[in-house]
C-alpha atoms as a PDB file:
ATOM      1  CA  UNK A   1     -11.424 -16.694 -31.794  1.00  0.00           C
ATOM      2  CA  UNK A   2      -8.708 -14.361 -30.505  1.00  0.00           C
ATOM      3  CA  UNK A   3      -9.242 -15.442 -26.906  1.00  0.00           C
ATOM      4  CA  UNK A   4      -8.765 -19.074 -28.015  1.00  0.00           C
ATOM      5  CA  UNK A   5      -5.416 -18.243 -29.626  1.00  0.00           C
ATOM      6  CA  UNK A   6      -2.913 -17.687 -26.787  1.00  0.00           C
ATOM      7  CA  UNK A   7       0.008 -17.786 -29.248  1.00  0.00           C
ATOM      8  CA  UNK A   8      -0.572 -14.684 -31.420  1.00  0.00           C
ATOM      9  CA  UNK A   9      -2.540 -12.961 -28.652  1.00  0.00           C
ATOM     10  CA  UNK A  10       0.346 -12.954 -26.155  1.00  0.00           C
ATOM     11  CA  UNK A  11       0.077  -9.220 -25.423  1.00  0.00           C
ATOM     12  CA  UNK A  12      -3.525  -9.670 -24.291  1.00  0.00           C
ATOM     13  CA  UNK A  13      -2.537 -11.957 -21.401  1.00  0.00           C
ATOM     14  CA  UNK A  14       0.065  -9.696 -19.749  1.00  0.00           C
ATOM     15  CA  UNK A  15      -2.071  -6.653 -20.399  1.00  0.00           C
ATOM     16  CA  UNK A  16      -4.921  -8.119 -18.356  1.00  0.00           C
ATOM     17  CA  UNK A  17      -2.583  -9.068 -15.530  1.00  0.00           C
ATOM     18  CA  UNK A  18      -1.077  -5.596 -15.432  1.00  0.00           C
ATOM     19  CA  UNK A  19      -4.488  -3.980 -15.661  1.00  0.00           C
ATOM     20  CA  UNK A  20      -5.663  -5.949 -12.634  1.00  0.00           C
ATOM     21  CA  UNK A  21      -2.554  -4.974 -10.676  1.00  0.00           C
ATOM     22  CA  UNK A  22      -2.639  -1.358 -11.808  1.00  0.00           C
ATOM     23  CA  UNK A  23      -6.201  -0.722 -10.656  1.00  0.00           C
ATOM     24  CA  UNK A  24      -5.806  -1.934  -7.051  1.00  0.00           C
ATOM     25  CA  UNK A  25      -2.320  -0.470  -6.744  1.00  0.00           C
ATOM     26  CA  UNK A  26      -3.460   3.013  -7.733  1.00  0.00           C
ATOM     27  CA  UNK A  27      -6.411   2.917  -5.345  1.00  0.00           C
ATOM     28  CA  UNK A  28      -4.215   1.527  -2.568  1.00  0.00           C
ATOM     29  CA  UNK A  29      -1.601   4.231  -3.061  1.00  0.00           C
ATOM     30  CA  UNK A  30      -4.130   7.055  -2.851  1.00  0.00           C
ATOM     31  CA  UNK A  31      -5.847   5.647   0.233  1.00  0.00           C
ATOM     32  CA  UNK A  32      -2.534   4.767   1.846  1.00  0.00           C
ATOM     33  CA  UNK A  33      -1.038   8.199   1.199  1.00  0.00           C
ATOM     34  CA  UNK A  34      -3.915   9.963   2.941  1.00  0.00           C
ATOM     35  CA  UNK A  35      -4.228   7.367   5.704  1.00  0.00           C
ATOM     36  CA  UNK A  36      -0.490   7.064   6.276  1.00  0.00           C
ATOM     37  CA  UNK A  37       0.032  10.769   6.889  1.00  0.00           C
ATOM     38  CA  UNK A  38      -1.887  10.975  10.174  1.00  0.00           C
ATOM     39  CA  UNK A  39      -1.148   7.400  11.280  1.00  0.00           C
ATOM     40  CA  UNK A  40       2.670   7.685  11.567  1.00  0.00           C
ATOM     41  CA  UNK A  41       2.401  11.063  13.291  1.00  0.00           C
ATOM     42  CA  UNK A  42       0.084   9.650  15.938  1.00  0.00           C
ATOM     43  CA  UNK A  43       2.252   6.580  16.399  1.00  0.00           C
ATOM     44  CA  UNK A  44       5.397   8.713  16.722  1.00  0.00           C
ATOM     45  CA  UNK A  45       3.654  10.901  19.292  1.00  0.00           C
ATOM     46  CA  UNK A  46       2.510   7.915  21.310  1.00  0.00           C
ATOM     47  CA  UNK A  47       5.935   6.334  21.088  1.00  0.00           C
ATOM     48  CA  UNK A  48       7.582   9.503  22.405  1.00  0.00           C
ATOM     49  CA  UNK A  49       5.027   9.732  25.202  1.00  0.00           C
ATOM     50  CA  UNK A  50       5.613   6.104  26.140  1.00  0.00           C
ATOM     51  CA  UNK A  51       9.388   6.549  26.072  1.00  0.00           C
ATOM     52  CA  UNK A  52       9.121   9.682  28.210  1.00  0.00           C
ATOM     53  CA  UNK A  53       6.841   7.938  30.708  1.00  0.00           C
ATOM     54  CA  UNK A  54       9.259   5.007  30.897  1.00  0.00           C
ATOM     55  CA  UNK A  55      12.162   7.390  31.538  1.00  0.00           C
ATOM     56  CA  UNK A  56      10.258   9.232  34.257  1.00  0.00           C
ATOM     57  CA  UNK A  57       9.190   5.975  35.878  1.00  0.00           C
ATOM     58  CA  UNK A  58      12.751   4.664  35.659  1.00  0.00           C
ATOM     59  CA  UNK A  59      14.246   7.743  37.367  1.00  0.00           C
END
């Protein structure tokens, strides 16, 4: 009966939407935090190496 009544059960709708967004967001943040740490460092290192190689080759 409550699910059929969207009027008085307005808080149930947004709650479900937020709950769906909260779950994946939390999991994404944790995985991203751990995966982002080593990824940017490696990319920065490779970028510096590439820049250095380009400078040496340009000289």
